[in-house]
Amino acid sequence: MTKILLLSDTHSHMDETILKYARQADEIWHAGDIGTLEVTDTLQKIKPLRAVYGNIDDHVIQKEFPLDSRFFCEGVEVYMTHIGGYPPKYNIRTRDAIKANPPKLFICGHSHILKVMMDKKLGVLHMNPGACGKHGFHQMRTMLRFVIDGKDIKDLEVIEIGKR
């Protein structure tokens, strides 16, 4: 069983509330728009981190993290990127990869809109944790946490951090 904290769009922001939830997780996943390496350095000191870079991330962050990350967490194949779209209207860059080899879990950020939905046609669970930073148009800062237990994704919880 692996407890995941999923966040995105920190835009260089880190605070004690985010860190409190990070300490409760087994792994932290960041879906891009990190802002500065200080964000990921701080998170990596707490728990193992998987991250992708986003459209605001500079060449320094792009050298540290990939654009796309495909990996297994226990028995669940995960595909994480920053800009990916939503089922069934995936981004043109991700659409073919998802259709050719559908992961069980597809994660993206970018929109600052928290959304969890199932692509019933492909059997892909899509998650976007919204934005936990203070930059952007979102009103509420959000993250997701959930458990991967073997091949099961369960105990999904929306975390509202507070107003931007």
Protein backbone atom coordinates (compact mmCIF):
# COMPACT_ATOMS: atom_id res chain seq x y z
CA MET A 1 0.00 0.00 0.00
CA THR A 2 1.39 3.39 -1.06
CA LYS A 3 -0.07 6.71 0.12
CA ILE A 4 0.28 9.39 -2.57
CA LEU A 5 0.11 13.16 -2.28
CA LEU A 6 -0.56 14.65 -5.73
CA LEU A 7 0.00 18.34 -6.30
CA SER A 8 0.58 20.71 -9.19
CA ASP A 9 1.12 24.33 -10.10
CA THR A 10 3.04 25.43 -7.03
CA HIS A 11 4.54 28.31 -9.07
CA SER A 12 7.45 28.60 -6.57
CA HIS A 13 5.15 28.55 -3.54
CA MET A 14 5.64 26.23 -0.58
CA ASP A 15 4.11 26.48 2.87
CA GLU A 16 3.71 24.51 6.07
CA THR A 17 0.25 23.22 5.15
CA ILE A 18 1.58 21.57 1.99
CA LEU A 19 4.51 20.15 3.97
CA LYS A 20 2.17 18.76 6.65
CA TYR A 21 0.37 16.66 4.04
CA ALA A 22 3.67 15.74 2.36
CA ARG A 23 4.89 14.22 5.65
CA GLN A 24 1.77 12.01 5.80
CA ALA A 25 2.39 10.50 2.34
CA ASP A 26 4.68 7.69 1.23
CA GLU A 27 5.37 9.41 -2.12
CA ILE A 28 4.82 12.92 -3.46
CA TRP A 29 3.92 13.46 -7.12
CA HIS A 30 4.15 16.93 -8.71
CA ALA A 31 2.40 17.46 -12.06
CA GLY A 32 4.39 20.49 -13.21
CA ASP A 33 4.71 24.26 -13.01
CA ILE A 34 7.10 23.82 -10.13
CA GLY A 35 8.55 27.33 -10.37
CA THR A 36 11.89 26.86 -8.58
CA LEU A 37 13.98 23.87 -7.56
CA GLU A 38 13.62 25.03 -3.95
CA VAL A 39 10.08 23.59 -4.09
CA THR A 40 11.21 20.13 -5.21
CA ASP A 41 14.33 20.18 -3.03
CA THR A 42 12.13 20.82 0.01
CA LEU A 43 9.71 18.03 -0.93
CA GLN A 44 12.52 15.55 -1.67
CA LYS A 45 13.89 16.02 1.84
CA ILE A 46 10.55 14.78 3.20
CA LYS A 47 9.54 11.85 0.96
CA PRO A 48 10.39 10.33 -2.44
CA LEU A 49 9.30 12.68 -5.23
CA ARG A 50 8.21 12.09 -8.82
CA ALA A 51 7.73 15.23 -10.91
CA VAL A 52 7.40 16.56 -14.45
CA TYR A 53 8.12 20.05 -15.64
CA GLY A 54 5.43 22.46 -16.78
CA ASN A 55 5.15 25.33 -19.22
CA ILE A 56 6.45 27.95 -16.75
CA ASP A 57 9.47 25.89 -15.70
CA ASP A 58 12.85 27.08 -16.96
CA HIS A 59 15.76 25.12 -18.43
CA VAL A 60 17.17 24.38 -14.96
CA ILE A 61 13.99 22.53 -13.92
CA GLN A 62 13.73 20.94 -17.38
CA LYS A 63 17.18 19.39 -16.87
CA GLU A 64 16.06 17.95 -13.53
CA PHE A 65 12.63 16.59 -14.48
CA PRO A 66 11.08 15.14 -17.67
CA LEU A 67 8.15 16.46 -19.72
CA ASP A 68 6.40 13.08 -19.40
CA SER A 69 6.83 10.32 -16.86
CA ARG A 70 5.47 6.79 -17.25
CA PHE A 71 6.01 4.48 -14.32
CA PHE A 72 4.44 1.79 -12.18
CA CYS A 73 3.40 2.32 -8.59
CA GLU A 74 2.72 -1.16 -7.30
CA GLY A 75 0.41 -2.69 -9.95
CA VAL A 76 -0.80 0.62 -11.42
CA GLU A 77 0.72 2.09 -14.57
CA VAL A 78 0.83 5.88 -14.32
CA TYR A 79 1.35 8.48 -17.04
CA MET A 80 2.05 11.96 -15.71
CA THR A 81 2.55 15.16 -17.70
CA HIS A 82 1.73 18.82 -17.17
CA ILE A 83 -0.50 19.61 -20.17
CA GLY A 84 -2.59 16.60 -21.13
CA GLY A 85 -6.23 17.52 -21.63
CA TYR A 86 -9.24 15.60 -20.35
CA PRO A 87 -11.03 12.45 -21.47
CA PRO A 88 -11.97 12.11 -24.26
CA LYS A 89 -10.36 15.36 -25.48
CA TYR A 90 -6.74 14.69 -24.69
CA ASN A 91 -4.03 17.09 -25.76
CA ILE A 92 -2.78 16.36 -29.28
CA ARG A 93 0.66 15.51 -27.86
CA THR A 94 -0.65 12.91 -25.39
CA ARG A 95 -3.67 11.51 -27.24
CA ASP A 96 -1.88 8.94 -29.40
CA ALA A 97 0.27 7.67 -26.53
CA ILE A 98 -2.78 7.21 -24.32
CA LYS A 99 -4.79 5.46 -27.02
CA ALA A 100 -1.90 3.20 -28.10
CA ASN A 101 -1.03 2.14 -24.55
CA PRO A 102 -3.65 3.29 -22.04
CA PRO A 103 -2.27 3.69 -18.51
CA LYS A 104 -4.53 2.92 -15.57
CA LEU A 105 -3.95 6.45 -14.20
CA PHE A 106 -3.35 9.60 -16.25
CA ILE A 107 -2.28 12.71 -14.34
CA CYS A 108 -1.87 16.28 -15.49
CA GLY A 109 -1.97 19.80 -14.08
CA HIS A 110 -1.93 23.13 -15.92
CA SER A 111 -5.62 24.09 -15.82
CA HIS A 112 -5.66 24.97 -12.09
CA ILE A 113 -9.01 23.12 -12.07
CA LEU A 114 -9.34 20.10 -9.82
CA LYS A 115 -10.91 17.29 -11.79
CA VAL A 116 -11.13 13.51 -11.41
CA MET A 117 -12.93 11.57 -14.12
CA MET A 118 -12.98 8.17 -15.76
CA ASP A 119 -12.37 7.58 -19.45
CA LYS A 120 -14.77 4.66 -19.69
CA LYS A 121 -13.85 3.89 -23.29
CA LEU A 122 -10.15 3.39 -22.50
CA GLY A 123 -10.45 2.42 -18.83
CA VAL A 124 -8.20 5.30 -17.76
CA LEU A 125 -8.69 7.25 -14.53
CA HIS A 126 -7.78 10.91 -15.05
CA MET A 127 -6.68 13.15 -12.17
CA ASN A 128 -5.83 16.83 -12.07
CA PRO A 129 -5.15 18.05 -8.51
CA GLY A 130 -5.85 21.70 -9.31
CA ALA A 131 -3.28 24.23 -8.09
CA CYS A 132 -1.73 24.50 -4.64
CA GLY A 133 0.26 27.64 -5.38
CA LYS A 134 -0.92 31.21 -5.05
CA HIS A 135 -0.41 32.30 -8.69
CA GLY A 136 -3.30 31.93 -11.14
CA PHE A 137 -7.02 32.43 -11.44
CA HIS A 138 -8.13 29.61 -9.12
CA GLN A 139 -9.94 30.61 -5.94
CA MET A 140 -9.23 27.58 -3.74
CA ARG A 141 -5.79 25.97 -3.46
CA THR A 142 -6.16 22.18 -3.79
CA MET A 143 -4.28 18.89 -3.80
CA LEU A 144 -5.31 15.22 -3.96
CA ARG A 145 -4.29 12.29 -1.89
CA PHE A 146 -5.09 8.64 -2.48
CA VAL A 147 -3.83 5.14 -1.92
CA ILE A 148 -2.51 2.64 -4.42
CA ASP A 149 -2.93 -0.87 -3.09
CA GLY A 150 -1.74 -3.46 -5.57
CA LYS A 151 -3.81 -2.76 -8.70
CA ASP A 152 -6.40 -0.66 -6.85
CA ILE A 153 -6.62 3.13 -6.60
CA LYS A 154 -8.70 3.98 -3.54
CA ASP A 155 -9.38 6.36 -0.66
CA LEU A 156 -9.27 9.46 -2.90
CA GLU A 157 -9.47 12.67 -0.91
CA VAL A 158 -9.61 16.31 -2.03
CA ILE A 159 -7.51 18.60 0.13
CA GLU A 160 -8.53 22.24 0.18
CA ILE A 161 -5.61 24.28 1.50
CA GLY A 162 -7.38 27.60 1.56
CA LYS A 163 -8.03 30.66 -0.54
CA ARG A 164 -5.40 31.84 -2.98
